[in-house]
Amino acid sequence: MHKPLPKNEEITLDPKRYIVSKTDPKGLITYGNDYFVEISGYREAELIGKPHNIIRHPDMPKVIFKLMWDRIQKGQSIMALVKNMAKDGRYYWVITEFESKKDKLTNEIKGYTAFRKAATKSAIKSIEPIYQKLLEIETQSGMEAAEKYLVGFLEEKNQSYDEFIDQIVGNKGLFKVFFAAMKKLFG
């Protein structure tokens, strides 16, 4: 399956709807709710069994996904602002909480779930320059250099990654309640 060429056209998400997808431990899609399928522009059959990065937008720094994978492979949740790309090349921004699913008997990770909601314009405006800088560093010096920059950026702010994202997202209490409800519904 080929990746589409990005278009500078945003898909407006319904702020009252949510996007949920699940993957196996290798990141292959095992489930997507109806809104995920609709917004992605792919048919459900085109998504199931494919790598979740099928919707990765090239404007997303790889270091953010490295951070995400490092955390969820340890069984830790993480929230991130993510720019995704639909099949037709249009984009959409989401606030995503990634969660690991473990086998209750073996405690081994059996998959991951991503709960998404439309990102606010203020959150997007705050994160875009940082992502652009990380992409520039990745292009010129590689992902390791981008990771060092991100660590330094957060140290300068005296914040963890989670604190930084909570600050950008704002109204985090509302998102926490939303994500908790989604986990009960889809957990």
N, C-alpha and C. Protein backbone atom coordinates (compact mmCIF):
# COMPACT_ATOMS: atom_id res chain seq x y z
N MET A 1 0.84 -1.18 0.00
CA MET A 1 0.00 0.00 0.00
C MET A 1 0.89 1.25 0.00
N HIS A 2 0.65 2.14 -0.93
CA HIS A 2 1.48 3.34 -1.03
C HIS A 2 0.95 4.45 -0.11
N LYS A 3 1.87 5.29 0.32
CA LYS A 3 1.50 6.44 1.16
C LYS A 3 1.05 7.57 0.25
N PRO A 4 -0.02 8.25 0.62
CA PRO A 4 -0.47 9.39 -0.20
C PRO A 4 0.47 10.58 -0.06
N LEU A 5 0.39 11.48 -1.01
CA LEU A 5 1.12 12.74 -0.90
C LEU A 5 0.31 13.66 0.01
N PRO A 6 0.98 14.30 0.96
CA PRO A 6 0.26 15.19 1.87
C PRO A 6 -0.36 16.38 1.14
N LYS A 7 -1.56 16.72 1.55
CA LYS A 7 -2.25 17.92 1.06
C LYS A 7 -2.32 18.90 2.23
N ASN A 8 -2.25 20.16 1.92
CA ASN A 8 -2.38 21.17 2.96
C ASN A 8 -3.86 21.49 3.18
N GLU A 9 -4.60 20.45 3.53
CA GLU A 9 -6.04 20.59 3.74
C GLU A 9 -6.42 19.80 5.00
N GLU A 10 -6.99 20.52 5.97
CA GLU A 10 -7.31 19.90 7.25
C GLU A 10 -8.71 19.30 7.24
N ILE A 11 -8.83 18.14 7.86
CA ILE A 11 -10.13 17.52 8.10
C ILE A 11 -10.61 18.06 9.44
N THR A 12 -11.79 18.64 9.47
CA THR A 12 -12.34 19.14 10.72
C THR A 12 -13.01 17.99 11.45
N LEU A 13 -12.51 17.70 12.63
CA LEU A 13 -13.07 16.61 13.43
C LEU A 13 -14.24 17.10 14.26
N ASP A 14 -15.18 16.23 14.49
CA ASP A 14 -16.32 16.51 15.35
C ASP A 14 -15.82 16.45 16.80
N PRO A 15 -15.87 17.55 17.53
CA PRO A 15 -15.35 17.55 18.90
C PRO A 15 -16.13 16.65 19.86
N LYS A 16 -17.30 16.19 19.43
CA LYS A 16 -18.11 15.32 20.29
C LYS A 16 -17.88 13.84 20.00
N ARG A 17 -17.07 13.56 18.98
CA ARG A 17 -16.81 12.16 18.63
C ARG A 17 -15.39 11.79 18.99
N TYR A 18 -15.14 10.52 19.07
CA TYR A 18 -13.83 10.01 19.46
C TYR A 18 -13.36 8.98 18.44
N ILE A 19 -12.06 8.81 18.40
CA ILE A 19 -11.43 7.85 17.51
C ILE A 19 -10.72 6.83 18.39
N VAL A 20 -10.94 5.56 18.12
CA VAL A 20 -10.28 4.49 18.86
C VAL A 20 -9.70 3.50 17.87
N SER A 21 -8.46 3.09 18.14
CA SER A 21 -7.88 2.00 17.37
C SER A 21 -7.08 1.12 18.30
N LYS A 22 -6.93 -0.14 17.90
CA LYS A 22 -6.16 -1.11 18.67
C LYS A 22 -5.17 -1.78 17.74
N THR A 23 -4.01 -2.13 18.32
CA THR A 23 -3.00 -2.84 17.54
C THR A 23 -2.49 -4.04 18.33
N ASP A 24 -1.81 -4.91 17.62
CA ASP A 24 -1.12 -6.01 18.29
C ASP A 24 0.21 -5.46 18.81
N PRO A 25 1.02 -6.28 19.48
CA PRO A 25 2.29 -5.78 20.04
C PRO A 25 3.27 -5.21 19.00
N LYS A 26 3.10 -5.57 17.74
CA LYS A 26 4.00 -5.07 16.69
C LYS A 26 3.46 -3.80 16.02
N GLY A 27 2.29 -3.33 16.46
CA GLY A 27 1.73 -2.12 15.88
C GLY A 27 0.84 -2.34 14.68
N LEU A 28 0.42 -3.59 14.44
CA LEU A 28 -0.50 -3.88 13.33
C LEU A 28 -1.93 -3.67 13.82
N ILE A 29 -2.71 -2.97 13.04
CA ILE A 29 -4.08 -2.62 13.43
C ILE A 29 -4.94 -3.87 13.52
N THR A 30 -5.62 -4.01 14.66
CA THR A 30 -6.55 -5.12 14.87
C THR A 30 -8.00 -4.64 14.98
N TYR A 31 -8.18 -3.33 15.22
CA TYR A 31 -9.52 -2.77 15.38
C TYR A 31 -9.46 -1.27 15.16
N GLY A 32 -10.51 -0.75 14.57
CA GLY A 32 -10.71 0.69 14.48
C GLY A 32 -12.20 0.97 14.58
N ASN A 33 -12.58 1.92 15.43
CA ASN A 33 -14.01 2.21 15.52
C ASN A 33 -14.47 2.88 14.22
N ASP A 34 -15.77 3.05 14.07
CA ASP A 34 -16.33 3.58 12.83
C ASP A 34 -15.77 4.96 12.48
N TYR A 35 -15.58 5.81 13.49
CA TYR A 35 -15.08 7.16 13.23
C TYR A 35 -13.61 7.12 12.76
N PHE A 36 -12.83 6.21 13.31
CA PHE A 36 -11.44 6.03 12.85
C PHE A 36 -11.44 5.67 11.36
N VAL A 37 -12.27 4.71 10.98
CA VAL A 37 -12.35 4.28 9.58
C VAL A 37 -12.81 5.46 8.71
N GLU A 38 -13.85 6.16 9.15
CA GLU A 38 -14.39 7.28 8.38
C GLU A 38 -13.34 8.38 8.16
N ILE A 39 -12.69 8.81 9.24
CA ILE A 39 -11.73 9.91 9.14
C ILE A 39 -10.48 9.50 8.37
N SER A 40 -10.04 8.27 8.53
CA SER A 40 -8.82 7.82 7.83
C SER A 40 -9.02 7.76 6.32
N GLY A 41 -10.26 7.54 5.89
CA GLY A 41 -10.53 7.44 4.46
C GLY A 41 -10.27 6.06 3.88
N TYR A 42 -9.76 5.16 4.71
CA TYR A 42 -9.52 3.79 4.27
C TYR A 42 -10.75 2.95 4.57
N ARG A 43 -10.94 1.90 3.80
CA ARG A 43 -11.96 0.91 4.16
C ARG A 43 -11.41 0.11 5.33
N GLU A 44 -12.29 -0.43 6.14
CA GLU A 44 -11.86 -1.21 7.30
C GLU A 44 -10.92 -2.33 6.88
N ALA A 45 -11.23 -2.99 5.77
CA ALA A 45 -10.40 -4.10 5.29
C ALA A 45 -9.00 -3.62 4.89
N GLU A 46 -8.86 -2.35 4.51
CA GLU A 46 -7.54 -1.80 4.17
C GLU A 46 -6.71 -1.51 5.42
N LEU A 47 -7.36 -1.34 6.55
CA LEU A 47 -6.67 -0.98 7.80
C LEU A 47 -6.26 -2.20 8.62
N ILE A 48 -7.16 -3.18 8.74
CA ILE A 48 -6.90 -4.33 9.60
C ILE A 48 -5.68 -5.10 9.08
N GLY A 49 -4.73 -5.33 9.99
CA GLY A 49 -3.52 -6.05 9.64
C GLY A 49 -2.39 -5.18 9.10
N LYS A 50 -2.67 -3.88 8.92
CA LYS A 50 -1.64 -2.96 8.41
C LYS A 50 -0.96 -2.26 9.58
N PRO A 51 0.29 -1.81 9.37
CA PRO A 51 0.97 -1.04 10.42
C PRO A 51 0.20 0.26 10.71
N HIS A 52 0.13 0.61 11.99
CA HIS A 52 -0.61 1.82 12.37
C HIS A 52 0.00 3.07 11.74
N ASN A 53 1.26 2.99 11.38
CA ASN A 53 1.89 4.17 10.78
C ASN A 53 1.37 4.46 9.36
N ILE A 54 0.39 3.69 8.91
CA ILE A 54 -0.27 3.97 7.64
C ILE A 54 -0.88 5.37 7.66
N ILE A 55 -1.23 5.87 8.86
CA ILE A 55 -1.83 7.20 8.97
C ILE A 55 -0.83 8.25 9.46
N ARG A 56 0.44 7.89 9.57
CA ARG A 56 1.45 8.85 10.06
C ARG A 56 1.67 9.96 9.04
N HIS A 57 1.58 11.17 9.50
CA HIS A 57 1.85 12.33 8.63
C HIS A 57 3.34 12.61 8.65
N PRO A 58 3.93 12.96 7.50
CA PRO A 58 5.38 13.23 7.47
C PRO A 58 5.79 14.46 8.29
N ASP A 59 4.86 15.29 8.72
CA ASP A 59 5.18 16.43 9.59
C ASP A 59 5.42 16.01 11.03
N MET A 60 5.15 14.75 11.36
CA MET A 60 5.36 14.26 12.72
C MET A 60 6.82 13.82 12.91
N PRO A 61 7.49 14.38 13.93
CA PRO A 61 8.86 13.94 14.20
C PRO A 61 8.89 12.48 14.66
N LYS A 62 9.86 11.74 14.15
CA LYS A 62 10.00 10.33 14.54
C LYS A 62 10.30 10.18 16.02
N VAL A 63 10.97 11.18 16.60
CA VAL A 63 11.35 11.09 18.01
C VAL A 63 10.11 11.02 18.92
N ILE A 64 9.01 11.61 18.50
CA ILE A 64 7.78 11.54 19.31
C ILE A 64 7.27 10.10 19.34
N PHE A 65 7.35 9.41 18.21
CA PHE A 65 6.92 8.02 18.18
C PHE A 65 7.90 7.11 18.93
N LYS A 66 9.17 7.46 18.90
CA LYS A 66 10.15 6.70 19.68
C LYS A 66 9.81 6.82 21.16
N LEU A 67 9.54 8.04 21.60
CA LEU A 67 9.15 8.28 23.00
C LEU A 67 7.90 7.47 23.35
N MET A 68 6.92 7.50 22.45
CA MET A 68 5.68 6.76 22.67
C MET A 68 5.94 5.26 22.78
N TRP A 69 6.71 4.71 21.84
CA TRP A 69 6.98 3.27 21.85
C TRP A 69 7.79 2.88 23.09
N ASP A 70 8.77 3.71 23.46
CA ASP A 70 9.55 3.42 24.67
C ASP A 70 8.63 3.29 25.88
N ARG A 71 7.64 4.14 25.96
CA ARG A 71 6.74 4.15 27.12
C ARG A 71 5.74 2.99 27.08
N ILE A 72 5.06 2.82 25.95
CA ILE A 72 4.00 1.81 25.94
C ILE A 72 4.56 0.39 25.98
N GLN A 73 5.79 0.19 25.49
CA GLN A 73 6.39 -1.14 25.58
C GLN A 73 6.77 -1.49 27.02
N LYS A 74 6.83 -0.49 27.88
CA LYS A 74 7.05 -0.72 29.31
C LYS A 74 5.72 -0.81 30.07
N GLY A 75 4.61 -0.73 29.33
CA GLY A 75 3.30 -0.80 29.95
C GLY A 75 2.81 0.52 30.51
N GLN A 76 3.47 1.61 30.14
CA GLN A 76 3.09 2.94 30.63
C GLN A 76 2.24 3.66 29.59
N SER A 77 1.26 4.43 30.05
CA SER A 77 0.44 5.24 29.16
C SER A 77 1.19 6.52 28.81
N ILE A 78 0.78 7.14 27.72
CA ILE A 78 1.36 8.41 27.32
C ILE A 78 0.32 9.19 26.51
N MET A 79 0.30 10.50 26.70
CA MET A 79 -0.58 11.37 25.92
C MET A 79 0.30 12.18 24.98
N ALA A 80 -0.17 12.38 23.76
CA ALA A 80 0.60 13.14 22.77
C ALA A 80 -0.34 13.88 21.83
N LEU A 81 0.17 14.95 21.24
CA LEU A 81 -0.53 15.62 20.15
C LEU A 81 0.03 15.03 18.87
N VAL A 82 -0.87 14.57 18.01
CA VAL A 82 -0.43 13.86 16.81
C VAL A 82 -1.15 14.41 15.58
N LYS A 83 -0.37 14.63 14.53
CA LYS A 83 -0.92 15.01 13.23
C LYS A 83 -0.95 13.73 12.39
N ASN A 84 -2.14 13.33 12.00
CA ASN A 84 -2.30 12.13 11.18
C ASN A 84 -2.69 12.51 9.76
N MET A 85 -2.55 11.55 8.86
CA MET A 85 -2.86 11.78 7.46
C MET A 85 -3.86 10.73 6.96
N ALA A 86 -4.91 11.22 6.32
CA ALA A 86 -5.93 10.35 5.74
C ALA A 86 -5.43 9.79 4.40
N LYS A 87 -6.17 8.84 3.89
CA LYS A 87 -5.81 8.18 2.63
C LYS A 87 -5.69 9.15 1.46
N ASP A 88 -6.48 10.23 1.50
CA ASP A 88 -6.45 11.20 0.40
C ASP A 88 -5.39 12.29 0.59
N GLY A 89 -4.58 12.20 1.67
CA GLY A 89 -3.50 13.16 1.91
C GLY A 89 -3.86 14.31 2.82
N ARG A 90 -5.15 14.47 3.13
CA ARG A 90 -5.54 15.52 4.07
C ARG A 90 -5.06 15.14 5.48
N TYR A 91 -5.03 16.10 6.37
CA TYR A 91 -4.53 15.84 7.72
C TYR A 91 -5.57 16.18 8.79
N TYR A 92 -5.32 15.66 9.98
CA TYR A 92 -6.14 16.00 11.14
C TYR A 92 -5.28 15.86 12.40
N TRP A 93 -5.52 16.75 13.35
CA TRP A 93 -4.80 16.78 14.61
C TRP A 93 -5.64 16.17 15.72
N VAL A 94 -5.01 15.34 16.53
CA VAL A 94 -5.70 14.71 17.66
C VAL A 94 -4.85 14.74 18.92
N ILE A 95 -5.53 14.76 20.03
CA ILE A 95 -4.89 14.50 21.32
C ILE A 95 -5.13 13.02 21.55
N THR A 96 -4.05 12.30 21.74
CA THR A 96 -4.12 10.84 21.82
C THR A 96 -3.55 10.35 23.13
N GLU A 97 -4.26 9.42 23.74
CA GLU A 97 -3.68 8.71 24.88
C GLU A 97 -3.47 7.27 24.44
N PHE A 98 -2.24 6.82 24.54
CA PHE A 98 -1.87 5.46 24.18
C PHE A 98 -1.81 4.63 25.45
N GLU A 99 -2.33 3.43 25.38
CA GLU A 99 -2.35 2.56 26.55
C GLU A 99 -1.97 1.14 26.14
N SER A 100 -1.20 0.49 26.98
CA SER A 100 -0.81 -0.91 26.76
C SER A 100 -1.88 -1.82 27.34
N LYS A 101 -2.13 -2.92 26.67
CA LYS A 101 -3.05 -3.94 27.17
C LYS A 101 -2.22 -5.17 27.52
N LYS A 102 -2.37 -5.63 28.77
CA LYS A 102 -1.57 -6.77 29.23
C LYS A 102 -2.44 -7.99 29.47
N ASP A 103 -1.85 -9.15 29.24
CA ASP A 103 -2.49 -10.42 29.56
C ASP A 103 -2.57 -10.52 31.08
N LYS A 104 -3.75 -10.80 31.61
CA LYS A 104 -3.94 -10.83 33.06
C LYS A 104 -3.18 -11.97 33.74
N LEU A 105 -2.91 -13.03 33.03
CA LEU A 105 -2.18 -14.16 33.62
C LEU A 105 -0.67 -14.00 33.52
N THR A 106 -0.19 -13.61 32.35
CA THR A 106 1.27 -13.55 32.13
C THR A 106 1.85 -12.15 32.33
N ASN A 107 0.99 -11.15 32.35
CA ASN A 107 1.40 -9.75 32.45
C ASN A 107 2.20 -9.28 31.23
N GLU A 108 2.18 -10.07 30.15
CA GLU A 108 2.84 -9.68 28.91
C GLU A 108 1.92 -8.75 28.10
N ILE A 109 2.53 -7.81 27.40
CA ILE A 109 1.75 -6.88 26.58
C ILE A 109 1.18 -7.64 25.39
N LYS A 110 -0.14 -7.54 25.24
CA LYS A 110 -0.80 -8.23 24.13
C LYS A 110 -1.31 -7.27 23.06
N GLY A 111 -1.16 -5.98 23.32
CA GLY A 111 -1.58 -4.99 22.32
C GLY A 111 -1.63 -3.60 22.92
N TYR A 112 -2.02 -2.66 22.05
CA TYR A 112 -2.09 -1.26 22.44
C TYR A 112 -3.40 -0.66 21.96
N THR A 113 -3.90 0.29 22.72
CA THR A 113 -5.10 1.02 22.33
C THR A 113 -4.78 2.50 22.30
N ALA A 114 -5.28 3.18 21.28
CA ALA A 114 -5.13 4.63 21.17
C ALA A 114 -6.52 5.25 21.21
N PHE A 115 -6.71 6.16 22.16
CA PHE A 115 -7.96 6.91 22.31
C PHE A 115 -7.68 8.32 21.85
N ARG A 116 -8.48 8.83 20.90
CA ARG A 116 -8.20 10.15 20.33
C ARG A 116 -9.43 11.05 20.34
N LYS A 117 -9.13 12.33 20.49
CA LYS A 117 -10.14 13.38 20.44
C LYS A 117 -9.54 14.55 19.68
N ALA A 118 -10.38 15.35 19.07
CA ALA A 118 -9.90 16.51 18.30
C ALA A 118 -9.03 17.41 19.17
N ALA A 119 -7.89 17.82 18.63
CA ALA A 119 -7.00 18.75 19.33
C ALA A 119 -7.54 20.16 19.19
N THR A 120 -7.28 20.96 20.19
CA THR A 120 -7.70 22.36 20.14
C THR A 120 -6.74 23.16 19.25
N LYS A 121 -7.22 24.26 18.72
CA LYS A 121 -6.38 25.12 17.89
C LYS A 121 -5.20 25.65 18.69
N SER A 122 -5.42 25.98 19.97
CA SER A 122 -4.32 26.53 20.78
C SER A 122 -3.25 25.46 21.02
N ALA A 123 -3.65 24.21 21.21
CA ALA A 123 -2.67 23.13 21.40
C ALA A 123 -1.85 22.94 20.13
N ILE A 124 -2.51 22.96 18.99
CA ILE A 124 -1.82 22.80 17.70
C ILE A 124 -0.83 23.95 17.50
N LYS A 125 -1.28 25.18 17.77
CA LYS A 125 -0.43 26.35 17.60
C LYS A 125 0.80 26.27 18.50
N SER A 126 0.65 25.71 19.69
CA SER A 126 1.78 25.57 20.62
C SER A 126 2.77 24.50 20.19
N ILE A 127 2.28 23.39 19.63
CA ILE A 127 3.16 22.25 19.35
C ILE A 127 3.81 22.32 17.97
N GLU A 128 3.16 22.96 17.00
CA GLU A 128 3.69 22.97 15.63
C GLU A 128 5.14 23.48 15.53
N PRO A 129 5.50 24.61 16.17
CA PRO A 129 6.90 25.07 16.03
C PRO A 129 7.90 24.08 16.63
N ILE A 130 7.52 23.41 17.69
CA ILE A 130 8.41 22.43 18.32
C ILE A 130 8.59 21.23 17.39
N TYR A 131 7.50 20.75 16.82
CA TYR A 131 7.59 19.63 15.88
C TYR A 131 8.42 20.02 14.65
N GLN A 132 8.24 21.24 14.16
CA GLN A 132 9.02 21.69 13.00
C GLN A 132 10.51 21.69 13.33
N LYS A 133 10.86 22.17 14.52
CA LYS A 133 12.26 22.19 14.94
C LYS A 133 12.81 20.77 15.06
N LEU A 134 12.04 19.86 15.66
CA LEU A 134 12.47 18.46 15.80
C LEU A 134 12.67 17.81 14.43
N LEU A 135 11.76 18.09 13.50
CA LEU A 135 11.89 17.55 12.13
C LEU A 135 13.15 18.07 11.45
N GLU A 136 13.41 19.35 11.62
CA GLU A 136 14.60 19.97 11.03
C GLU A 136 15.87 19.29 11.58
N ILE A 137 15.90 19.07 12.88
CA ILE A 137 17.06 18.42 13.50
C ILE A 137 17.18 16.98 13.02
N GLU A 138 16.05 16.27 12.95
CA GLU A 138 16.08 14.88 12.46
C GLU A 138 16.63 14.80 11.04
N THR A 139 16.20 15.73 10.20
CA THR A 139 16.64 15.75 8.80
C THR A 139 18.14 16.03 8.70
N GLN A 140 18.62 16.96 9.50
CA GLN A 140 20.02 17.36 9.41
C GLN A 140 20.96 16.46 10.20
N SER A 141 20.52 16.00 11.38
CA SER A 141 21.45 15.31 12.28
C SER A 141 20.97 13.97 12.81
N GLY A 142 19.74 13.57 12.48
CA GLY A 142 19.23 12.28 12.92
C GLY A 142 18.35 12.35 14.16
N MET A 143 17.71 11.22 14.43
CA MET A 143 16.74 11.17 15.51
C MET A 143 17.39 11.32 16.88
N GLU A 144 18.59 10.78 17.05
CA GLU A 144 19.27 10.89 18.34
C GLU A 144 19.50 12.36 18.71
N ALA A 145 19.88 13.16 17.74
CA ALA A 145 20.08 14.59 17.98
C ALA A 145 18.76 15.28 18.32
N ALA A 146 17.68 14.87 17.66
CA ALA A 146 16.37 15.44 17.95
C ALA A 146 15.93 15.07 19.37
N GLU A 147 16.24 13.85 19.78
CA GLU A 147 15.89 13.42 21.13
C GLU A 147 16.67 14.25 22.17
N LYS A 148 17.94 14.49 21.91
CA LYS A 148 18.75 15.32 22.82
C LYS A 148 18.18 16.73 22.91
N TYR A 149 17.76 17.27 21.77
CA TYR A 149 17.16 18.61 21.76
C TYR A 149 15.89 18.62 22.60
N LEU A 150 15.03 17.61 22.42
CA LEU A 150 13.78 17.55 23.16
C LEU A 150 14.04 17.46 24.67
N VAL A 151 14.99 16.63 25.06
CA VAL A 151 15.35 16.51 26.48
C VAL A 151 15.82 17.86 27.02
N GLY A 152 16.69 18.55 26.28
CA GLY A 152 17.18 19.86 26.69
C GLY A 152 16.07 20.89 26.76
N PHE A 153 15.16 20.86 25.78
CA PHE A 153 14.02 21.77 25.75
C PHE A 153 13.17 21.59 27.01
N LEU A 154 12.89 20.34 27.37
CA LEU A 154 12.07 20.06 28.55
C LEU A 154 12.82 20.42 29.84
N GLU A 155 14.12 20.14 29.88
CA GLU A 155 14.92 20.51 31.06
C GLU A 155 14.91 22.02 31.27
N GLU A 156 15.02 22.77 30.18
CA GLU A 156 15.00 24.23 30.26
C GLU A 156 13.67 24.73 30.83
N LYS A 157 12.60 24.04 30.49
CA LYS A 157 11.27 24.40 31.00
C LYS A 157 11.03 23.82 32.40
N ASN A 158 11.98 22.98 32.85
CA ASN A 158 11.84 22.30 34.14
C ASN A 158 10.54 21.49 34.19
N GLN A 159 10.26 20.77 33.09
CA GLN A 159 9.04 19.97 32.98
C GLN A 159 9.37 18.60 32.42
N SER A 160 8.57 17.64 32.81
CA SER A 160 8.62 16.34 32.16
C SER A 160 7.84 16.46 30.85
N TYR A 161 7.97 15.46 29.99
CA TYR A 161 7.19 15.45 28.75
C TYR A 161 5.70 15.51 29.08
N ASP A 162 5.27 14.71 30.07
CA ASP A 162 3.85 14.67 30.44
C ASP A 162 3.36 16.03 30.93
N GLU A 163 4.15 16.70 31.75
CA GLU A 163 3.76 18.02 32.25
C GLU A 163 3.65 19.02 31.10
N PHE A 164 4.58 18.94 30.17
CA PHE A 164 4.57 19.83 29.01
C PHE A 164 3.30 19.62 28.18
N ILE A 165 2.98 18.36 27.90
CA ILE A 165 1.78 18.06 27.10
C ILE A 165 0.52 18.49 27.86
N ASP A 166 0.47 18.22 29.17
CA ASP A 166 -0.68 18.65 29.97
C ASP A 166 -0.87 20.16 29.88
N GLN A 167 0.23 20.90 29.91
CA GLN A 167 0.17 22.36 29.84
C GLN A 167 -0.38 22.80 28.48
N ILE A 168 0.11 22.19 27.41
CA ILE A 168 -0.33 22.56 26.06
C ILE A 168 -1.80 22.21 25.84
N VAL A 169 -2.18 21.03 26.30
CA VAL A 169 -3.54 20.56 26.08
C VAL A 169 -4.52 21.44 26.85
N GLY A 170 -4.10 21.91 28.04
CA GLY A 170 -5.02 22.71 28.85
C GLY A 170 -6.22 21.87 29.21
N ASN A 171 -7.03 22.31 30.07
CA ASN A 171 -8.26 21.59 30.46
C ASN A 171 -8.03 20.09 30.52
N LYS A 172 -6.87 19.69 31.04
CA LYS A 172 -6.51 18.28 31.05
C LYS A 172 -7.48 17.43 31.86
N GLY A 173 -8.13 18.03 32.84
CA GLY A 173 -9.10 17.28 33.63
C GLY A 173 -10.21 16.73 32.75
N LEU A 174 -10.68 17.55 31.82
CA LEU A 174 -11.73 17.12 30.90
C LEU A 174 -11.25 15.98 30.02
N PHE A 175 -10.01 16.09 29.52
CA PHE A 175 -9.46 15.02 28.69
C PHE A 175 -9.25 13.74 29.50
N LYS A 176 -8.79 13.89 30.73
CA LYS A 176 -8.58 12.71 31.59
C LYS A 176 -9.90 11.98 31.82
N VAL A 177 -10.97 12.74 32.07
CA VAL A 177 -12.30 12.14 32.26
C VAL A 177 -12.74 11.44 30.97
N PHE A 178 -12.52 12.11 29.83
CA PHE A 178 -12.89 11.54 28.54
C PHE A 178 -12.14 10.23 28.30
N PHE A 179 -10.81 10.26 28.47
CA PHE A 179 -10.01 9.07 28.21
C PHE A 179 -10.35 7.94 29.18
N ALA A 180 -10.66 8.27 30.43
CA ALA A 180 -11.06 7.25 31.40
C ALA A 180 -12.37 6.58 30.96
N ALA A 181 -13.31 7.39 30.46
CA ALA A 181 -14.58 6.83 29.98
C ALA A 181 -14.35 5.92 28.77
N MET A 182 -13.47 6.34 27.86
CA MET A 182 -13.17 5.53 26.68
C MET A 182 -12.52 4.20 27.08
N LYS A 183 -11.66 4.23 28.06
CA LYS A 183 -11.00 3.00 28.52
C LYS A 183 -12.03 2.02 29.09
N LYS A 184 -13.02 2.54 29.79
CA LYS A 184 -14.07 1.66 30.32
C LYS A 184 -14.90 1.06 29.19
N LEU A 185 -15.19 1.90 28.20
CA LEU A 185 -16.01 1.45 27.08
C LEU A 185 -15.29 0.46 26.18
N PHE A 186 -14.00 0.74 25.90
CA PHE A 186 -13.26 -0.08 24.95
C PHE A 186 -12.19 -0.96 25.56
N GLY A 187 -12.00 -0.86 26.89
CA GLY A 187 -10.94 -1.62 27.57
C GLY A 187 -11.19 -3.09 27.51
